[in-house]
Amino acid sequence: MQMCPECSCDNLDSAVTCSRCGAQLRGLHGSMTVLNNRYRLLKVLGCGGMGAVYLAEDMRLYGRNVAVKENFDTSSEGQKQFEVETRILATLSHPNLPRVVDYFISGGKQYVVMDYIPGEDLQSIIERDGPQKLDEALKWFWQVCDAVEYLHSQSPPVIHRDIKPGNIKIQHDGKAFLVDFGIAKFYRPGQKTVAGAQAVTPGFSPIEQYGKGITDQRSDIYSLAATLYFALTGIVPPDAVERLTHNKRLVSITSINKSVPAQVESVIEKAMRIRPTERYYSVREFRDAIKTAMVQPSYTPYRTPPTYSRQRMGQRQHQQPTMTPDFLGCFMQLSELLFWMLIAWSFGCCLMMFIAYVLTGVGFGYFITTGNPIPLLTFLFVLITLMQALRLAHRRHRRKP
């Protein structure tokens, strides 16, 4: 018999689709199958391209529920990566991470046994309830940040590389768990990703995770920010490749969720920058930036104009007009313009008088040298005319009210 990956219904080994829900069968174990003479399989918790996870009971520990993960990849690189995952989990101890309790090989397939984490994954919660308020989202987000910061503090650091809503379990008491280390790796500077660890989730994986790029702590920070973005908007972020090649922009968080301040939105967008060097370097720095942004005063660029009743509108029509800030601004600009026009007029008058005196001096010198008085008389006439014009202009200016 084989269980359906969707509804866990038992089907014949020769069946192709589930007799109950019609889903495609994957050749999984049947229910009540006992693995390693210890773990009795009850149902399928999840199934993907890399493996399946079963809910099982440990017959040696009085039926305690555990999660048994089966590796589908039988290649040498795939099996090596599965061993890496097991070794990573076996050395970890954190309240927001699952604990490995056993590892074995049966029928040529690898299995790892972990603590069973009951609860609902974050993706299902958002799809059912819609975007969360910032305060509600941060309750589980801080816990996941603590878990990721713990991973990065290991020597060498452990990079999860698959942080997404589907890999975050929320229990009834609000406790959050980060699960599924299927493509995690130890970080060593300059080391490229091996083929067995190559996997991406569109919208949540950074650009350096595609191909054989070099991933580090900032890769997990991108995925953390993308997960928080999804929780606050209910929208899967654009894929990193589309953002890079087609300049696709993120939908504004504040346009969807009014509980998110603009400063917090800026912090999330920085953590989701395409270039790793432009993101926050550590989880602590990212978390502190969010906390700082939450206590900063919000700036409201636009306020909705108030509505008035007809009676109040009639009262406003009989009110005396008051000087508005726009009128004051225009008055100040006009005053400044008149001031500079006066300065220019005074400078022009002085310049003309200076030129007239210079020309008079030149005419007087010409008269002394040649004895011809015509140039001197001409310059004197021009000087007297300019002085008279200035006097008339001054009188008109004084007569103006």
Protein backbone atom coordinates (compact mmCIF):
# COMPACT_ATOMS: atom_id res chain seq x y z
CA MET A 1 0.00 0.00 0.00
CA GLN A 2 1.01 3.63 -0.50
CA MET A 3 -0.32 6.77 1.18
CA CYS A 4 -1.58 9.75 -0.77
CA PRO A 5 0.71 12.81 -0.29
CA GLU A 6 -2.37 15.05 0.07
CA CYS A 7 -4.95 13.17 2.17
CA SER A 8 -2.84 10.22 3.54
CA CYS A 9 -5.40 7.73 2.20
CA ASP A 10 -4.00 4.26 1.53
CA ASN A 11 -3.98 3.16 -2.13
CA LEU A 12 -2.80 0.08 -3.98
CA ASP A 13 0.86 0.00 -4.97
CA SER A 14 -0.18 -0.12 -8.65
CA ALA A 15 -2.42 2.98 -8.40
CA VAL A 16 -1.37 6.23 -10.10
CA THR A 17 -3.87 8.64 -8.56
CA CYS A 18 -5.55 8.71 -5.15
CA SER A 19 -8.91 6.95 -4.99
CA ARG A 20 -10.22 9.56 -2.55
CA CYS A 21 -8.91 12.98 -3.70
CA GLY A 22 -7.44 12.19 -7.14
CA ALA A 23 -3.98 13.53 -6.28
CA GLN A 24 -0.90 12.16 -8.04
CA LEU A 25 0.69 9.37 -6.00
CA ARG A 26 4.42 9.42 -5.24
CA GLY A 27 5.13 5.85 -4.11
CA LEU A 28 5.15 6.70 -0.41
CA HIS A 29 4.94 4.19 2.40
CA GLY A 30 1.55 2.94 3.50
CA SER A 31 0.04 3.82 6.84
CA MET A 32 1.02 1.65 9.81
CA THR A 33 4.32 0.78 8.11
CA VAL A 34 7.06 0.26 10.72
CA LEU A 35 10.51 1.64 9.92
CA ASN A 36 13.69 0.52 11.65
CA ASN A 37 11.58 -1.74 13.92
CA ARG A 38 10.64 1.38 15.90
CA TYR A 39 8.63 4.05 14.06
CA ARG A 40 5.04 3.35 12.98
CA LEU A 41 3.91 5.75 10.23
CA LEU A 42 0.51 7.39 10.78
CA LYS A 43 0.06 9.99 8.02
CA VAL A 44 1.88 12.28 5.60
CA LEU A 45 2.76 15.72 6.96
CA GLY A 46 4.26 17.01 3.73
CA CYS A 47 5.75 15.89 0.45
CA GLY A 48 7.96 17.70 -2.05
CA GLY A 49 10.48 17.09 -4.74
CA MET A 50 13.30 16.38 -2.29
CA GLY A 51 11.49 14.12 0.19
CA ALA A 52 8.50 13.42 2.38
CA VAL A 53 7.78 13.92 6.08
CA TYR A 54 5.61 11.47 8.00
CA LEU A 55 3.94 11.69 11.36
CA ALA A 56 4.93 8.56 13.27
CA GLU A 57 4.80 7.12 16.76
CA ASP A 58 7.89 5.90 18.56
CA MET A 59 7.00 2.41 19.78
CA ARG A 60 9.99 2.35 22.14
CA LEU A 61 8.97 5.56 23.90
CA TYR A 62 5.34 4.70 24.61
CA GLY A 63 3.91 6.01 21.36
CA ARG A 64 5.48 9.50 21.48
CA ASN A 65 4.81 11.37 18.23
CA VAL A 66 7.81 12.14 16.04
CA ALA A 67 8.42 13.43 12.52
CA VAL A 68 10.24 11.06 10.14
CA LYS A 69 11.79 12.64 7.05
CA GLU A 70 12.54 10.46 4.02
CA ASN A 71 15.10 11.50 1.40
CA PHE A 72 14.03 10.89 -2.22
CA ASP A 73 17.38 11.85 -3.73
CA THR A 74 19.50 8.71 -4.12
CA SER A 75 22.42 10.46 -5.84
CA SER A 76 25.72 10.70 -4.01
CA GLU A 77 25.48 14.50 -3.75
CA GLY A 78 21.88 14.34 -2.52
CA GLN A 79 22.68 11.75 0.13
CA LYS A 80 25.73 13.74 1.24
CA GLN A 81 23.60 16.87 1.60
CA PHE A 82 21.04 14.92 3.65
CA GLU A 83 23.81 13.80 5.98
CA VAL A 84 24.93 17.43 6.28
CA GLU A 85 21.40 18.41 7.29
CA THR A 86 21.29 15.66 9.90
CA ARG A 87 24.68 16.62 11.30
CA ILE A 88 23.61 20.27 11.49
CA LEU A 89 20.41 19.51 13.37
CA ALA A 90 22.10 17.04 15.71
CA THR A 91 24.44 19.75 17.04
CA LEU A 92 21.74 22.38 17.59
CA SER A 93 19.75 23.11 20.74
CA HIS A 94 17.36 26.05 20.64
CA PRO A 95 13.76 26.46 21.86
CA ASN A 96 12.60 27.55 18.39
CA LEU A 97 14.30 24.76 16.41
CA PRO A 98 13.36 21.06 16.12
CA ARG A 99 15.62 18.48 17.71
CA VAL A 100 17.05 15.43 15.93
CA VAL A 101 16.55 12.19 17.83
CA ASP A 102 17.62 9.49 15.34
CA TYR A 103 19.12 8.78 11.91
CA PHE A 104 19.06 5.51 9.96
CA ILE A 105 19.12 3.95 6.49
CA SER A 106 16.44 1.46 5.47
CA GLY A 107 15.90 -0.12 2.07
CA GLY A 108 18.63 2.07 0.56
CA LYS A 109 16.85 5.28 1.67
CA GLN A 110 17.91 7.77 4.30
CA TYR A 111 15.69 8.80 7.20
CA VAL A 112 16.03 11.35 9.97
CA VAL A 113 13.75 11.44 13.01
CA MET A 114 12.95 14.78 14.63
CA ASP A 115 10.66 16.18 17.27
CA TYR A 116 7.13 16.52 15.95
CA ILE A 117 6.11 20.19 15.96
CA PRO A 118 2.31 20.49 16.06
CA GLY A 119 0.68 23.62 14.78
CA GLU A 120 -0.08 25.43 11.54
CA ASP A 121 2.46 26.84 9.15
CA LEU A 122 2.55 30.59 8.63
CA GLN A 123 1.63 30.38 4.96
CA SER A 124 -1.66 28.63 5.74
CA ILE A 125 -2.44 31.21 8.44
CA ILE A 126 -1.90 34.18 6.11
CA GLU A 127 -3.83 32.55 3.27
CA ARG A 128 -6.76 31.99 5.64
CA ASP A 129 -6.71 35.18 7.74
CA GLY A 130 -5.06 37.66 5.40
CA PRO A 131 -2.34 40.20 6.25
CA GLN A 132 -1.44 40.47 9.93
CA LYS A 133 -1.06 43.61 11.95
CA LEU A 134 2.53 44.57 12.69
CA ASP A 135 2.31 43.81 16.43
CA GLU A 136 0.88 40.34 15.78
CA ALA A 137 3.45 39.53 13.09
CA LEU A 138 6.38 40.61 15.26
CA LYS A 139 5.38 38.18 18.03
CA TRP A 140 6.50 35.20 15.96
CA PHE A 141 9.05 37.17 13.91
CA TRP A 142 11.22 37.92 16.95
CA GLN A 143 11.27 34.20 17.80
CA VAL A 144 12.37 33.23 14.28
CA CYS A 145 15.03 35.94 14.38
CA ASP A 146 16.36 34.45 17.63
CA ALA A 147 16.56 31.03 15.98
CA VAL A 148 18.33 32.35 12.87
CA GLU A 149 20.73 34.43 14.96
CA TYR A 150 21.55 31.26 16.91
CA LEU A 151 22.27 29.41 13.65
CA HIS A 152 24.56 32.20 12.46
CA SER A 153 26.42 32.22 15.78
CA GLN A 154 27.66 28.65 15.29
CA SER A 155 31.25 27.98 14.27
CA PRO A 156 31.19 27.80 11.33
CA PRO A 157 27.86 29.67 10.88
CA VAL A 158 24.87 27.62 9.72
CA ILE A 159 22.94 29.18 6.82
CA HIS A 160 19.36 27.92 6.62
CA ARG A 161 18.80 29.07 2.99
CA ASP A 162 15.09 28.12 2.93
CA ILE A 163 13.34 30.54 5.29
CA LYS A 164 9.79 31.01 4.07
CA PRO A 165 6.24 31.03 5.50
CA GLY A 166 5.78 27.32 4.79
CA ASN A 167 8.77 26.48 7.00
CA ILE A 168 7.57 28.41 10.06
CA LYS A 169 5.24 26.52 12.39
CA ILE A 170 3.03 28.50 14.81
CA GLN A 171 1.65 26.60 17.79
CA HIS A 172 -1.60 27.40 19.61
CA ASP A 173 0.27 29.19 22.40
CA GLY A 174 2.01 31.46 19.87
CA LYS A 175 5.37 29.73 19.96
CA ALA A 176 7.13 29.70 16.58
CA PHE A 177 9.45 27.04 15.16
CA LEU A 178 11.75 27.25 12.14
CA VAL A 179 11.76 23.85 10.43
CA ASP A 180 13.11 22.07 7.33
CA PHE A 181 16.89 22.26 7.00
CA GLY A 182 16.87 20.41 3.67
CA ILE A 183 19.24 22.84 1.91
CA ALA A 184 21.07 24.29 4.92
CA LYS A 185 24.84 24.42 4.88
CA PHE A 186 27.85 25.45 6.93
CA TYR A 187 29.14 28.82 5.74
CA ARG A 188 32.77 29.07 4.76
CA PRO A 189 33.90 32.32 3.09
CA GLY A 190 34.24 31.96 -0.69
CA GLN A 191 32.64 28.51 -0.80
CA LYS A 192 30.09 28.12 -3.59
CA THR A 193 26.88 26.13 -3.24
CA VAL A 194 27.10 22.47 -4.21
CA ALA A 195 24.58 20.95 -6.59
CA GLY A 196 22.88 18.91 -3.88
CA ALA A 197 22.03 22.08 -1.96
CA GLN A 198 20.67 24.07 -4.88
CA ALA A 199 17.03 24.94 -4.35
CA VAL A 200 15.10 28.18 -4.45
CA THR A 201 11.64 29.40 -3.51
CA PRO A 202 10.51 32.18 -5.87
CA GLY A 203 9.84 35.36 -3.94
CA PHE A 204 11.76 34.31 -0.84
CA SER A 205 15.19 33.30 -2.16
CA PRO A 206 17.81 36.01 -2.83
CA ILE A 207 19.53 36.40 -6.19
CA GLU A 208 22.82 34.87 -5.00
CA GLN A 209 21.03 31.60 -4.23
CA TYR A 210 20.34 30.97 -7.91
CA GLY A 211 22.98 28.87 -9.65
CA LYS A 212 26.21 28.35 -7.74
CA GLY A 213 26.40 31.72 -6.04
CA ILE A 214 28.03 32.38 -2.68
CA THR A 215 25.49 32.59 0.13
CA ASP A 216 26.05 33.88 3.65
CA GLN A 217 24.12 35.35 6.59
CA ARG A 218 22.71 38.12 4.39
CA SER A 219 20.95 35.50 2.28
CA ASP A 220 18.90 34.43 5.31
CA ILE A 221 18.23 38.10 6.13
CA TYR A 222 16.70 38.57 2.67
CA SER A 223 14.43 35.56 3.22
CA LEU A 224 13.49 36.78 6.71
CA ALA A 225 12.47 40.17 5.33
CA ALA A 226 10.54 38.56 2.44
CA THR A 227 8.66 36.36 4.93
CA LEU A 228 7.74 39.38 7.06
CA TYR A 229 6.69 41.22 3.89
CA PHE A 230 4.35 38.34 3.02
CA ALA A 231 2.88 38.28 6.53
CA LEU A 232 2.13 42.03 6.43
CA THR A 233 0.75 42.16 2.87
CA GLY A 234 -0.51 38.67 2.02
CA ILE A 235 1.42 39.02 -1.25
CA VAL A 236 4.37 36.88 -2.33
CA PRO A 237 7.23 39.29 -3.18
CA PRO A 238 8.41 39.45 -6.80
CA ASP A 239 11.10 36.93 -7.64
CA ALA A 240 14.65 38.24 -7.19
CA VAL A 241 15.51 37.46 -10.82
CA GLU A 242 12.51 39.45 -12.07
CA ARG A 243 13.44 42.34 -9.81
CA LEU A 244 16.95 42.33 -11.25
CA THR A 245 16.22 41.76 -14.95
CA HIS A 246 12.80 43.43 -15.33
CA ASN A 247 13.16 46.07 -12.59
CA LYS A 248 10.01 44.77 -10.94
CA ARG A 249 9.20 46.76 -7.81
CA LEU A 250 7.78 45.69 -4.48
CA VAL A 251 4.20 46.67 -3.74
CA SER A 252 4.22 49.25 -0.94
CA ILE A 253 3.47 47.64 2.42
CA THR A 254 1.86 50.80 3.79
CA SER A 255 -0.60 50.90 0.88
CA ILE A 256 -2.00 47.54 2.02
CA ASN A 257 -1.39 47.48 5.77
CA LYS A 258 -1.99 50.77 7.60
CA SER A 259 -0.54 49.39 10.85
CA VAL A 260 2.98 49.46 9.37
CA PRO A 261 4.89 52.76 9.76
CA ALA A 262 6.78 54.04 6.73
CA GLN A 263 10.06 53.73 8.66
CA VAL A 264 9.50 50.00 9.21
CA GLU A 265 8.69 49.56 5.53
CA SER A 266 12.03 51.20 4.64
CA VAL A 267 13.88 48.78 6.94
CA ILE A 268 12.22 45.76 5.30
CA GLU A 269 12.98 47.07 1.81
CA LYS A 270 16.64 47.56 2.74
CA ALA A 271 16.86 43.98 3.98
CA MET A 272 15.44 42.86 0.60
CA ARG A 273 17.94 44.76 -1.55
CA ILE A 274 19.19 42.82 -4.58
CA ARG A 275 22.87 43.45 -3.77
CA PRO A 276 23.92 41.58 -0.60
CA THR A 277 26.31 44.41 0.32
CA GLU A 278 23.35 46.81 0.60
CA ARG A 279 21.47 44.66 3.13
CA TYR A 280 21.93 44.43 6.87
CA TYR A 281 24.94 42.32 7.75
CA SER A 282 23.50 40.51 10.76
CA VAL A 283 20.12 39.49 12.13
CA ARG A 284 20.74 41.59 15.22
CA GLU A 285 21.31 44.69 13.09
CA PHE A 286 18.11 43.97 11.12
CA ARG A 287 16.07 43.42 14.27
CA ASP A 288 17.44 46.55 16.00
CA ALA A 289 16.63 48.63 12.91
CA ILE A 290 12.98 47.52 13.09
CA LYS A 291 12.77 48.33 16.80
CA THR A 292 14.31 51.76 16.24
CA ALA A 293 11.93 52.49 13.35
CA MET A 294 8.92 51.60 15.52
CA VAL A 295 9.71 54.26 18.12
CA GLN A 296 10.38 57.03 15.60
CA PRO A 297 7.52 59.48 15.02
CA SER A 298 5.62 58.68 11.85
CA TYR A 299 5.34 61.25 9.09
CA THR A 300 1.95 61.56 7.41
CA PRO A 301 2.46 63.07 3.95
CA TYR A 302 -1.26 63.57 3.28
CA ARG A 303 -4.29 64.14 5.44
CA THR A 304 -7.82 63.45 4.30
CA PRO A 305 -9.73 66.77 4.16
CA PRO A 306 -12.51 67.03 6.77
CA THR A 307 -16.14 66.80 5.72
CA TYR A 308 -18.63 69.50 6.68
CA SER A 309 -22.39 69.53 6.97
CA ARG A 310 -24.47 72.06 5.00
CA GLN A 311 -25.09 74.13 8.12
CA ARG A 312 -21.39 74.30 8.90
CA MET A 313 -20.58 75.11 5.31
CA GLY A 314 -23.04 78.07 5.50
CA GLN A 315 -21.31 79.31 8.63
CA ARG A 316 -17.92 79.11 6.92
CA GLN A 317 -19.18 81.23 4.01
CA HIS A 318 -20.03 84.12 6.39
CA GLN A 319 -16.68 84.04 8.10
CA GLN A 320 -14.23 86.82 7.35
CA PRO A 321 -11.37 85.74 5.14
CA THR A 322 -8.13 85.30 6.97
CA MET A 323 -4.60 85.59 5.78
CA THR A 324 -3.52 82.12 4.74
CA PRO A 325 0.06 80.84 4.74
CA ASP A 326 0.01 80.88 0.90
CA PHE A 327 -0.90 84.60 0.86
CA LEU A 328 1.87 85.40 3.32
CA GLY A 329 4.33 83.50 1.16
CA CYS A 330 3.35 85.47 -1.94
CA PHE A 331 3.56 88.77 0.00
CA MET A 332 7.07 87.94 1.24
CA GLN A 333 8.24 87.01 -2.25
CA LEU A 334 6.82 90.26 -3.69
CA SER A 335 8.51 92.33 -0.96
CA GLU A 336 11.82 90.64 -1.66
CA LEU A 337 11.43 91.31 -5.39
CA LEU A 338 10.73 95.04 -4.80
CA PHE A 339 13.73 95.28 -2.48
CA TRP A 340 16.12 93.91 -5.07
CA MET A 341 14.57 96.14 -7.76
CA LEU A 342 15.29 99.18 -5.54
CA ILE A 343 18.86 98.04 -5.05
CA ALA A 344 19.29 97.61 -8.82
CA TRP A 345 17.76 101.10 -9.47
CA SER A 346 20.08 102.77 -6.95
CA PHE A 347 23.10 101.00 -8.36
CA GLY A 348 22.12 102.09 -11.90
CA CYS A 349 21.78 105.73 -10.85
CA CYS A 350 25.18 105.72 -9.15
CA LEU A 351 26.74 104.10 -12.17
CA MET A 352 25.25 106.71 -14.52
CA MET A 353 26.48 109.58 -12.32
CA PHE A 354 29.93 108.07 -12.22
CA ILE A 355 30.03 107.78 -16.00
CA ALA A 356 28.80 111.38 -16.35
CA TYR A 357 31.50 112.75 -14.03
CA VAL A 358 34.16 110.76 -15.87
CA LEU A 359 33.01 112.09 -19.23
CA THR A 360 32.96 115.66 -17.84
CA GLY A 361 36.51 115.26 -16.63
CA VAL A 362 37.57 113.95 -20.03
CA GLY A 363 35.89 116.96 -21.72
CA PHE A 364 37.59 119.39 -19.38
CA GLY A 365 40.96 117.83 -20.10
CA TYR A 366 40.25 117.99 -23.83
CA PHE A 367 39.39 121.72 -23.46
CA ILE A 368 42.64 122.47 -21.62
CA THR A 369 44.66 120.62 -24.23
CA THR A 370 43.03 121.83 -27.46
CA GLY A 371 41.07 124.91 -26.38
CA ASN A 372 37.88 123.51 -27.97
CA PRO A 373 34.93 123.98 -25.47
CA ILE A 374 32.31 121.98 -27.43
CA PRO A 375 32.99 118.53 -25.85
CA LEU A 376 33.09 120.06 -22.37
CA LEU A 377 29.78 121.88 -22.88
CA THR A 378 28.22 118.71 -24.25
CA PHE A 379 29.27 116.63 -21.25
CA LEU A 380 28.07 119.35 -18.84
CA PHE A 381 24.69 119.39 -20.58
CA VAL A 382 24.40 115.60 -20.23
CA LEU A 383 25.37 115.82 -16.55
CA ILE A 384 22.80 118.54 -15.79
CA THR A 385 20.10 116.58 -17.66
CA LEU A 386 20.81 113.40 -15.65
CA MET A 387 20.75 115.29 -12.34
CA GLN A 388 17.43 116.90 -13.25
CA ALA A 389 15.97 113.51 -14.21
CA LEU A 390 17.05 112.04 -10.88
CA ARG A 391 15.44 114.93 -8.99
CA LEU A 392 12.15 114.46 -10.83
CA ALA A 393 12.17 110.74 -10.16
CA HIS A 394 12.86 111.34 -6.49
CA ARG A 395 9.94 113.81 -6.25
CA ARG A 396 7.53 111.34 -7.89
CA HIS A 397 8.62 108.61 -5.52
CA ARG A 398 7.93 110.85 -2.48
CA ARG A 399 4.49 111.86 -3.78
CA LYS A 400 3.29 108.23 -4.01
CA PRO A 401 1.06 107.24 -1.06
